Amino acid sequence: MIFMRLLLTLQPGHIPCLIPFDYPHALTAVIYRFLDHASHDYARFLHDEGYRSGAKRFKLFTFSQLLIPTRRITPEGILCHSTQITWQISSPITEFVEHLATGLLQLGQMRFGANTFTLARVEVAPTPTFTDRERLRCLSPIVVSAAQERAGKLQARYLRADDPQLSEALRQNLLRKFLVVHGRAPQSDVLSVEFDRAYLRRKGEEVYRLVSYKGTQIKAIMAPFTVRGSPELIEIGYEAGFGEKNSMGFGMVEVVGDGAPEKSGIS
């Protein structure tokens, strides 16, 4: 059984604590600190080089939003009243997962901003056995963009959930990731993605998240969807993230329903 996803239970150093809205970039830095503690060479390679597919470079990891059961939104940020916070990190790269687990267990705590969190527990979840049809739920919003010209310059246009280009863009992204990880093409390259139409109608513009990352505004989608096609491509999306900017905290999903994996503890 292969374990490529870590589920962390964190305890805030004090309650309440204020978490800034733009915390994902701080979590990316936290991950690199854990990696660096376990292997400076690997952390430097991943940060500076990453895994290549032609001109594209991938970090090949993703992570969820922080799950804060008791919280209050304030103008300054998220006021956390919970004694425990849950955070998930995933990658298809065994070396990444091993170094991350080592750094987590050796350091035992993480800090970003004015907050210190103690690592109360680390659990591992096996990668599910995927079929050619899965219903998935976002644990962090999905980013998909297309280049468009404005004033003579190419700029990113973030795609909406009902954009006809979205499904193919996600498929091509997963194909590139699969090739980097496995060094070959998948047995089938068929894949289609459809966001839940009833959910989109019910929530309207609420499914779109405008995320600030180091001063850049990124528009992303937070909604359940159904993916059909190659189980291998679905698996790489589950492990490395769907869409773009996964290492910035975008594109992590979980299986909805009976296919959800069981967890087991390692600390």
C-alpha atoms as a PDB file:
ATOM      1  CA  MET A   1       0.000   0.000   0.000  1.00  0.00           C
ATOM      2  CA  ILE A   2       1.369   3.389  -1.014  1.00  0.00           C
ATOM      3  CA  PHE A   3       0.958   6.390   1.272  1.00  0.00           C
ATOM      4  CA  MET A   4       1.364   9.690  -0.576  1.00  0.00           C
ATOM      5  CA  ARG A   5      -0.781  11.985   1.579  1.00  0.00           C
ATOM      6  CA  LEU A   6      -0.059  13.293   5.068  1.00  0.00           C
ATOM      7  CA  LEU A   7      -2.794  14.585   7.369  1.00  0.00           C
ATOM      8  CA  LEU A   8      -1.518  16.874  10.110  1.00  0.00           C
ATOM      9  CA  THR A   9      -3.281  17.834  13.317  1.00  0.00           C
ATOM     10  CA  LEU A  10      -1.963  21.152  14.629  1.00  0.00           C
ATOM     11  CA  GLN A  11      -2.451  22.804  18.009  1.00  0.00           C
ATOM     12  CA  PRO A  12      -2.208  26.626  18.127  1.00  0.00           C
ATOM     13  CA  GLY A  13       0.214  28.058  20.661  1.00  0.00           C
ATOM     14  CA  HIS A  14      -2.516  30.327  21.938  1.00  0.00           C
ATOM     15  CA  ILE A  15      -6.259  30.751  21.456  1.00  0.00           C
ATOM     16  CA  PRO A  16      -7.611  32.762  19.839  1.00  0.00           C
ATOM     17  CA  CYS A  17      -4.996  33.275  17.167  1.00  0.00           C
ATOM     18  CA  LEU A  18      -5.244  35.436  14.067  1.00  0.00           C
ATOM     19  CA  ILE A  19      -4.425  33.790  10.734  1.00  0.00           C
ATOM     20  CA  PRO A  20      -4.018  36.147   7.756  1.00  0.00           C
ATOM     21  CA  PHE A  21      -6.225  35.621   4.715  1.00  0.00           C
ATOM     22  CA  ASP A  22      -3.195  35.166   2.449  1.00  0.00           C
ATOM     23  CA  TYR A  23      -1.663  32.364   4.537  1.00  0.00           C
ATOM     24  CA  PRO A  24      -1.024  29.857   1.667  1.00  0.00           C
ATOM     25  CA  HIS A  25       2.321  31.404   0.713  1.00  0.00           C
ATOM     26  CA  ALA A  26       3.434  31.057   4.341  1.00  0.00           C
ATOM     27  CA  LEU A  27       2.465  27.375   4.285  1.00  0.00           C
ATOM     28  CA  THR A  28       4.566  26.830   1.156  1.00  0.00           C
ATOM     29  CA  ALA A  29       7.537  28.269   3.043  1.00  0.00           C
ATOM     30  CA  VAL A  30       6.761  25.990   6.011  1.00  0.00           C
ATOM     31  CA  ILE A  31       6.873  22.924   3.747  1.00  0.00           C
ATOM     32  CA  TYR A  32      10.274  23.930   2.390  1.00  0.00           C
ATOM     33  CA  ARG A  33      11.566  24.400   5.946  1.00  0.00           C
ATOM     34  CA  PHE A  34      10.510  20.861   6.849  1.00  0.00           C
ATOM     35  CA  LEU A  35      12.136  19.517   3.681  1.00  0.00           C
ATOM     36  CA  ASP A  36      15.311  21.502   4.301  1.00  0.00           C
ATOM     37  CA  HIS A  37      15.596  20.127   7.812  1.00  0.00           C
ATOM     38  CA  ALA A  38      15.515  16.574   6.438  1.00  0.00           C
ATOM     39  CA  SER A  39      17.568  17.172   3.273  1.00  0.00           C
ATOM     40  CA  HIS A  40      19.000  20.543   2.330  1.00  0.00           C
ATOM     41  CA  ASP A  41      19.979  19.265  -1.127  1.00  0.00           C
ATOM     42  CA  TYR A  42      16.494  18.013  -1.947  1.00  0.00           C
ATOM     43  CA  ALA A  43      14.796  21.188  -0.673  1.00  0.00           C
ATOM     44  CA  ARG A  44      17.151  23.328  -2.764  1.00  0.00           C
ATOM     45  CA  PHE A  45      16.597  21.155  -5.861  1.00  0.00           C
ATOM     46  CA  LEU A  46      12.825  21.331  -5.527  1.00  0.00           C
ATOM     47  CA  HIS A  47      12.765  25.070  -4.881  1.00  0.00           C
ATOM     48  CA  ASP A  48      15.279  26.058  -7.571  1.00  0.00           C
ATOM     49  CA  GLU A  49      14.719  23.419 -10.250  1.00  0.00           C
ATOM     50  CA  GLY A  50      11.754  21.130  -9.708  1.00  0.00           C
ATOM     51  CA  TYR A  51      10.725  18.372 -12.094  1.00  0.00           C
ATOM     52  CA  ARG A  52      10.857  19.248 -15.787  1.00  0.00           C
ATOM     53  CA  SER A  53       8.651  18.463 -18.756  1.00  0.00           C
ATOM     54  CA  GLY A  54      10.099  20.394 -21.684  1.00  0.00           C
ATOM     55  CA  ALA A  55       9.902  24.061 -20.789  1.00  0.00           C
ATOM     56  CA  LYS A  56       7.469  23.342 -17.950  1.00  0.00           C
ATOM     57  CA  ARG A  57       8.627  22.816 -14.377  1.00  0.00           C
ATOM     58  CA  PHE A  58       6.545  21.195 -11.680  1.00  0.00           C
ATOM     59  CA  LYS A  59       7.043  21.024  -7.913  1.00  0.00           C
ATOM     60  CA  LEU A  60       4.653  18.045  -7.794  1.00  0.00           C
ATOM     61  CA  PHE A  61       3.094  18.668  -4.422  1.00  0.00           C
ATOM     62  CA  THR A  62      -0.098  20.272  -3.249  1.00  0.00           C
ATOM     63  CA  PHE A  63      -1.786  21.083   0.033  1.00  0.00           C
ATOM     64  CA  SER A  64      -5.194  21.864   1.444  1.00  0.00           C
ATOM     65  CA  GLN A  65      -6.579  24.916   3.055  1.00  0.00           C
ATOM     66  CA  LEU A  66      -6.423  24.912   6.844  1.00  0.00           C
ATOM     67  CA  LEU A  67      -9.502  23.253   8.318  1.00  0.00           C
ATOM     68  CA  ILE A  68     -10.439  25.430  11.289  1.00  0.00           C
ATOM     69  CA  PRO A  69     -13.631  24.111  12.909  1.00  0.00           C
ATOM     70  CA  THR A  70     -14.325  27.167  15.077  1.00  0.00           C
ATOM     71  CA  ARG A  71     -13.419  30.467  13.502  1.00  0.00           C
ATOM     72  CA  ARG A  72     -14.618  33.998  12.923  1.00  0.00           C
ATOM     73  CA  ILE A  73     -13.874  36.177   9.922  1.00  0.00           C
ATOM     74  CA  THR A  74     -12.617  39.635  10.845  1.00  0.00           C
ATOM     75  CA  PRO A  75     -11.302  42.505   8.720  1.00  0.00           C
ATOM     76  CA  GLU A  76      -7.774  41.554   9.806  1.00  0.00           C
ATOM     77  CA  GLY A  77      -7.999  37.826   9.030  1.00  0.00           C
ATOM     78  CA  ILE A  78      -9.354  34.530  10.351  1.00  0.00           C
ATOM     79  CA  LEU A  79      -9.729  34.459  14.120  1.00  0.00           C
ATOM     80  CA  CYS A  80      -9.180  30.849  15.156  1.00  0.00           C
ATOM     81  CA  HIS A  81     -10.904  29.600  18.325  1.00  0.00           C
ATOM     82  CA  SER A  82     -10.171  25.908  17.680  1.00  0.00           C
ATOM     83  CA  THR A  83      -7.839  23.819  19.817  1.00  0.00           C
ATOM     84  CA  GLN A  84      -6.971  21.743  16.744  1.00  0.00           C
ATOM     85  CA  ILE A  85      -6.490  22.567  13.054  1.00  0.00           C
ATOM     86  CA  THR A  86      -6.203  20.025  10.241  1.00  0.00           C
ATOM     87  CA  TRP A  87      -3.889  20.380   7.233  1.00  0.00           C
ATOM     88  CA  GLN A  88      -3.218  17.926   4.382  1.00  0.00           C
ATOM     89  CA  ILE A  89      -0.169  17.682   2.102  1.00  0.00           C
ATOM     90  CA  SER A  90       0.182  15.343  -0.889  1.00  0.00           C
ATOM     91  CA  SER A  91       2.698  14.390  -3.582  1.00  0.00           C
ATOM     92  CA  PRO A  92       3.272  11.532  -6.040  1.00  0.00           C
ATOM     93  CA  ILE A  93       7.010  11.713  -5.294  1.00  0.00           C
ATOM     94  CA  THR A  94       8.110   9.222  -2.621  1.00  0.00           C
ATOM     95  CA  GLU A  95      11.282  11.209  -1.854  1.00  0.00           C
ATOM     96  CA  PHE A  96       9.197  14.314  -1.128  1.00  0.00           C
ATOM     97  CA  VAL A  97       6.843  12.477   1.230  1.00  0.00           C
ATOM     98  CA  GLU A  98       9.709  10.753   3.090  1.00  0.00           C
ATOM     99  CA  HIS A  99      11.700  13.967   3.599  1.00  0.00           C
ATOM    100  CA  LEU A 100       8.591  15.876   4.619  1.00  0.00           C
ATOM    101  CA  ALA A 101       7.587  13.235   7.181  1.00  0.00           C
ATOM    102  CA  THR A 102      11.124  13.220   8.587  1.00  0.00           C
ATOM    103  CA  GLY A 103      11.202  16.999   8.943  1.00  0.00           C
ATOM    104  CA  LEU A 104       7.745  17.071  10.515  1.00  0.00           C
ATOM    105  CA  LEU A 105       8.513  14.456  13.127  1.00  0.00           C
ATOM    106  CA  GLN A 106      11.949  15.864  13.989  1.00  0.00           C
ATOM    107  CA  LEU A 107      10.893  19.515  14.297  1.00  0.00           C
ATOM    108  CA  GLY A 108       7.482  18.862  15.835  1.00  0.00           C
ATOM    109  CA  GLN A 109       6.164  22.368  15.300  1.00  0.00           C
ATOM    110  CA  MET A 110       5.699  25.032  12.663  1.00  0.00           C
ATOM    111  CA  ARG A 111       5.595  28.786  12.709  1.00  0.00           C
ATOM    112  CA  PHE A 112       4.284  31.376  10.320  1.00  0.00           C
ATOM    113  CA  GLY A 113       3.566  35.010  11.026  1.00  0.00           C
ATOM    114  CA  ALA A 114       3.033  35.516  14.741  1.00  0.00           C
ATOM    115  CA  ASN A 115       1.692  31.990  15.239  1.00  0.00           C
ATOM    116  CA  THR A 116       3.362  28.814  16.445  1.00  0.00           C
ATOM    117  CA  PHE A 117       1.613  25.459  16.012  1.00  0.00           C
ATOM    118  CA  THR A 118       2.566  22.200  17.696  1.00  0.00           C
ATOM    119  CA  LEU A 119       2.308  19.070  15.598  1.00  0.00           C
ATOM    120  CA  ALA A 120      -0.068  16.921  17.640  1.00  0.00           C
ATOM    121  CA  ARG A 121      -0.426  14.065  15.167  1.00  0.00           C
ATOM    122  CA  VAL A 122       0.637  12.913  11.708  1.00  0.00           C
ATOM    123  CA  GLU A 123      -1.567  10.460   9.843  1.00  0.00           C
ATOM    124  CA  VAL A 124      -1.081   8.865   6.459  1.00  0.00           C
ATOM    125  CA  ALA A 125      -3.781   8.066   3.933  1.00  0.00           C
ATOM    126  CA  PRO A 126      -3.273   5.554   1.118  1.00  0.00           C
ATOM    127  CA  THR A 127      -3.972   6.595  -2.443  1.00  0.00           C
ATOM    128  CA  PRO A 128      -7.406   5.187  -3.386  1.00  0.00           C
ATOM    129  CA  THR A 129      -7.870   2.737  -6.229  1.00  0.00           C
ATOM    130  CA  PHE A 130      -9.508   4.900  -8.860  1.00  0.00           C
ATOM    131  CA  THR A 131     -12.084   3.921 -11.454  1.00  0.00           C
ATOM    132  CA  ASP A 132     -12.905   5.713 -14.708  1.00  0.00           C
ATOM    133  CA  ARG A 133     -15.490   7.873 -12.943  1.00  0.00           C
ATOM    134  CA  GLU A 134     -14.911   9.686  -9.661  1.00  0.00           C
ATOM    135  CA  ARG A 135     -16.651  12.458  -7.796  1.00  0.00           C
ATOM    136  CA  LEU A 136     -14.183  14.783  -6.112  1.00  0.00           C
ATOM    137  CA  ARG A 137     -14.375  17.707  -3.710  1.00  0.00           C
ATOM    138  CA  CYS A 138     -11.897  20.574  -3.506  1.00  0.00           C
ATOM    139  CA  LEU A 139      -9.785  20.899  -0.366  1.00  0.00           C
ATOM    140  CA  SER A 140      -8.143  23.941  -1.917  1.00  0.00           C
ATOM    141  CA  PRO A 141      -9.398  25.909  -4.934  1.00  0.00           C
ATOM    142  CA  ILE A 142      -8.480  24.931  -8.491  1.00  0.00           C
ATOM    143  CA  VAL A 143      -6.697  27.358 -10.814  1.00  0.00           C
ATOM    144  CA  VAL A 144      -6.853  27.028 -14.597  1.00  0.00           C
ATOM    145  CA  SER A 145      -5.719  29.793 -16.930  1.00  0.00           C
ATOM    146  CA  ALA A 146      -5.372  30.513 -20.617  1.00  0.00           C
ATOM    147  CA  ALA A 147      -3.068  33.068 -22.213  1.00  0.00           C
ATOM    148  CA  GLN A 148      -4.679  36.059 -23.874  1.00  0.00           C
ATOM    149  CA  GLU A 149      -3.229  39.201 -25.413  1.00  0.00           C
ATOM    150  CA  ARG A 150      -3.904  42.571 -23.823  1.00  0.00           C
ATOM    151  CA  ALA A 151      -2.241  45.750 -25.001  1.00  0.00           C
ATOM    152  CA  GLY A 152       0.293  43.704 -26.934  1.00  0.00           C
ATOM    153  CA  LYS A 153       1.214  41.548 -23.944  1.00  0.00           C
ATOM    154  CA  LEU A 154       0.242  37.980 -23.071  1.00  0.00           C
ATOM    155  CA  GLN A 155      -1.622  37.773 -19.785  1.00  0.00           C
ATOM    156  CA  ALA A 156      -3.305  34.967 -17.887  1.00  0.00           C
ATOM    157  CA  ARG A 157      -7.081  34.715 -18.098  1.00  0.00           C
ATOM    158  CA  TYR A 158      -8.445  32.600 -15.273  1.00  0.00           C
ATOM    159  CA  LEU A 159     -11.095  30.181 -16.498  1.00  0.00           C
ATOM    160  CA  ARG A 160     -14.525  29.866 -14.956  1.00  0.00           C
ATOM    161  CA  ALA A 161     -16.059  26.535 -13.985  1.00  0.00           C
ATOM    162  CA  ASP A 162     -18.295  26.505 -17.078  1.00  0.00           C
ATOM    163  CA  ASP A 163     -15.612  27.593 -19.550  1.00  0.00           C
ATOM    164  CA  PRO A 164     -15.492  25.202 -22.548  1.00  0.00           C
ATOM    165  CA  GLN A 165     -11.661  25.274 -22.445  1.00  0.00           C
ATOM    166  CA  LEU A 166     -11.413  24.188 -18.821  1.00  0.00           C
ATOM    167  CA  SER A 167     -11.728  20.408 -19.153  1.00  0.00           C
ATOM    168  CA  GLU A 168      -9.111  20.138 -21.900  1.00  0.00           C
ATOM    169  CA  ALA A 169      -6.727  22.456 -20.047  1.00  0.00           C
ATOM    170  CA  LEU A 170      -6.967  20.245 -16.963  1.00  0.00           C
ATOM    171  CA  ARG A 171      -6.382  17.125 -19.076  1.00  0.00           C
ATOM    172  CA  GLN A 172      -3.265  18.540 -20.738  1.00  0.00           C
ATOM    173  CA  ASN A 173      -1.890  19.621 -17.364  1.00  0.00           C
ATOM    174  CA  LEU A 174      -2.364  16.131 -15.926  1.00  0.00           C
ATOM    175  CA  LEU A 175      -0.755  14.528 -18.971  1.00  0.00           C
ATOM    176  CA  ARG A 176       2.387  16.630 -18.458  1.00  0.00           C
ATOM    177  CA  LYS A 177       2.520  15.782 -14.759  1.00  0.00           C
ATOM    178  CA  PHE A 178       2.046  12.072 -15.459  1.00  0.00           C
ATOM    179  CA  LEU A 179       4.890  12.074 -17.987  1.00  0.00           C
ATOM    180  CA  VAL A 180       7.229  13.773 -15.504  1.00  0.00           C
ATOM    181  CA  VAL A 181       6.399  11.335 -12.702  1.00  0.00           C
ATOM    182  CA  HIS A 182       6.310   8.077 -14.677  1.00  0.00           C
ATOM    183  CA  GLY A 183       8.478   8.788 -17.727  1.00  0.00           C
ATOM    184  CA  ARG A 184       5.802   7.478 -20.066  1.00  0.00           C
ATOM    185  CA  ALA A 185       2.342   8.278 -21.344  1.00  0.00           C
ATOM    186  CA  PRO A 186      -0.697   6.842 -19.501  1.00  0.00           C
ATOM    187  CA  GLN A 187      -2.419   3.794 -20.939  1.00  0.00           C
ATOM    188  CA  SER A 188      -5.341   6.062 -21.825  1.00  0.00           C
ATOM    189  CA  ASP A 189      -5.194   9.826 -22.236  1.00  0.00           C
ATOM    190  CA  VAL A 190      -8.971  10.289 -22.187  1.00  0.00           C
ATOM    191  CA  LEU A 191     -10.217  12.619 -19.458  1.00  0.00           C
ATOM    192  CA  SER A 192     -13.104  15.032 -18.959  1.00  0.00           C
ATOM    193  CA  VAL A 193     -14.000  17.222 -15.998  1.00  0.00           C
ATOM    194  CA  GLU A 194     -17.417  18.649 -15.208  1.00  0.00           C
ATOM    195  CA  PHE A 195     -18.172  20.790 -12.201  1.00  0.00           C
ATOM    196  CA  ASP A 196     -21.449  20.104 -10.404  1.00  0.00           C
ATOM    197  CA  ARG A 197     -23.988  22.198 -12.294  1.00  0.00           C
ATOM    198  CA  ALA A 198     -26.569  22.221  -9.519  1.00  0.00           C
ATOM    199  CA  TYR A 199     -23.901  23.371  -7.052  1.00  0.00           C
ATOM    200  CA  LEU A 200     -22.785  26.124  -9.443  1.00  0.00           C
ATOM    201  CA  ARG A 201     -26.373  27.354  -9.857  1.00  0.00           C
ATOM    202  CA  ARG A 202     -26.989  27.294  -6.117  1.00  0.00           C
ATOM    203  CA  LYS A 203     -23.777  29.022  -5.083  1.00  0.00           C
ATOM    204  CA  GLY A 204     -23.326  31.390  -8.029  1.00  0.00           C
ATOM    205  CA  GLU A 205     -20.261  33.594  -7.673  1.00  0.00           C
ATOM    206  CA  GLU A 206     -19.493  32.093  -4.258  1.00  0.00           C
ATOM    207  CA  VAL A 207     -17.643  29.209  -5.967  1.00  0.00           C
ATOM    208  CA  TYR A 208     -14.946  31.639  -7.123  1.00  0.00           C
ATOM    209  CA  ARG A 209     -12.170  32.578  -4.736  1.00  0.00           C
ATOM    210  CA  LEU A 210      -9.935  35.563  -5.282  1.00  0.00           C
ATOM    211  CA  VAL A 211      -6.712  34.575  -3.546  1.00  0.00           C
ATOM    212  CA  SER A 212      -3.875  36.995  -2.876  1.00  0.00           C
ATOM    213  CA  TYR A 213      -0.482  35.325  -3.239  1.00  0.00           C
ATOM    214  CA  LYS A 214       2.502  37.599  -2.668  1.00  0.00           C
ATOM    215  CA  GLY A 215       0.492  40.532  -3.970  1.00  0.00           C
ATOM    216  CA  THR A 216      -0.850  38.729  -7.050  1.00  0.00           C
ATOM    217  CA  GLN A 217      -4.609  38.187  -7.337  1.00  0.00           C
ATOM    218  CA  ILE A 218      -5.464  34.653  -8.471  1.00  0.00           C
ATOM    219  CA  LYS A 219      -9.022  33.611  -9.336  1.00  0.00           C
ATOM    220  CA  ALA A 220      -9.787  29.991  -8.498  1.00  0.00           C
ATOM    221  CA  ILE A 221     -12.730  27.578  -8.331  1.00  0.00           C
ATOM    222  CA  MET A 222     -13.958  25.871  -5.152  1.00  0.00           C
ATOM    223  CA  ALA A 223     -16.671  23.374  -6.123  1.00  0.00           C
ATOM    224  CA  PRO A 224     -17.261  19.609  -6.380  1.00  0.00           C
ATOM    225  CA  PHE A 225     -16.779  17.983  -9.762  1.00  0.00           C
ATOM    226  CA  THR A 226     -16.943  14.681 -11.597  1.00  0.00           C
ATOM    227  CA  VAL A 227     -13.963  13.421 -13.558  1.00  0.00           C
ATOM    228  CA  ARG A 228     -14.286  10.673 -16.170  1.00  0.00           C
ATOM    229  CA  GLY A 229     -11.594   8.830 -18.069  1.00  0.00           C
ATOM    230  CA  SER A 230      -8.110   7.522 -17.343  1.00  0.00           C
ATOM    231  CA  PRO A 231      -7.755   6.264 -13.740  1.00  0.00           C
ATOM    232  CA  GLU A 232      -4.019   6.966 -14.020  1.00  0.00           C
ATOM    233  CA  LEU A 233      -4.633  10.647 -14.771  1.00  0.00           C
ATOM    234  CA  ILE A 234      -7.213  10.892 -12.004  1.00  0.00           C
ATOM    235  CA  GLU A 235      -4.657   9.437  -9.601  1.00  0.00           C
ATOM    236  CA  ILE A 236      -1.958  11.937 -10.576  1.00  0.00           C
ATOM    237  CA  GLY A 237      -4.463  14.748 -10.041  1.00  0.00           C
ATOM    238  CA  TYR A 238      -5.298  13.366  -6.608  1.00  0.00           C
ATOM    239  CA  GLU A 239      -1.637  13.138  -5.612  1.00  0.00           C
ATOM    240  CA  ALA A 240      -0.101  16.192  -7.302  1.00  0.00           C
ATOM    241  CA  GLY A 241      -3.165  18.436  -7.590  1.00  0.00           C
ATOM    242  CA  PHE A 242      -5.569  19.426 -10.333  1.00  0.00           C
ATOM    243  CA  GLY A 243      -4.792  22.527 -12.348  1.00  0.00           C
ATOM    244  CA  GLU A 244      -1.995  25.027 -11.852  1.00  0.00           C
ATOM    245  CA  LYS A 245      -0.020  26.515  -8.957  1.00  0.00           C
ATOM    246  CA  ASN A 246      -0.386  23.387  -6.814  1.00  0.00           C
ATOM    247  CA  SER A 247       2.680  24.138  -4.677  1.00  0.00           C
ATOM    248  CA  MET A 248       1.075  27.482  -3.803  1.00  0.00           C
ATOM    249  CA  GLY A 249      -1.838  25.687  -2.183  1.00  0.00           C
ATOM    250  CA  PHE A 250      -4.187  25.099  -5.110  1.00  0.00           C
ATOM    251  CA  GLY A 251      -5.874  22.031  -6.570  1.00  0.00           C
ATOM    252  CA  MET A 252      -5.991  19.516  -3.716  1.00  0.00           C
ATOM    253  CA  VAL A 253      -9.048  17.246  -3.794  1.00  0.00           C
ATOM    254  CA  GLU A 254     -10.593  14.377  -1.872  1.00  0.00           C
ATOM    255  CA  VAL A 255     -12.818  11.532  -2.967  1.00  0.00           C
ATOM    256  CA  VAL A 256     -16.498  11.923  -2.156  1.00  0.00           C
ATOM    257  CA  GLY A 257     -18.321   8.857  -0.853  1.00  0.00           C
ATOM    258  CA  ASP A 258     -17.246   5.243  -0.463  1.00  0.00           C
ATOM    259  CA  GLY A 259     -13.926   5.685  -2.272  1.00  0.00           C
ATOM    260  CA  ALA A 260     -12.441   7.858   0.470  1.00  0.00           C
ATOM    261  CA  PRO A 261      -9.286   6.226   1.930  1.00  0.00           C
ATOM    262  CA  GLU A 262      -8.796   5.178   5.542  1.00  0.00           C
ATOM    263  CA  LYS A 263      -6.248   7.008   7.679  1.00  0.00           C
ATOM    264  CA  SER A 264      -3.580   5.571   9.970  1.00  0.00           C
ATOM    265  CA  GLY A 265      -1.246   7.303  12.404  1.00  0.00           C
ATOM    266  CA  ILE A 266       2.530   7.503  12.347  1.00  0.00           C
ATOM    267  CA  SER A 267       2.971   9.724  15.404  1.00  0.00           C
END
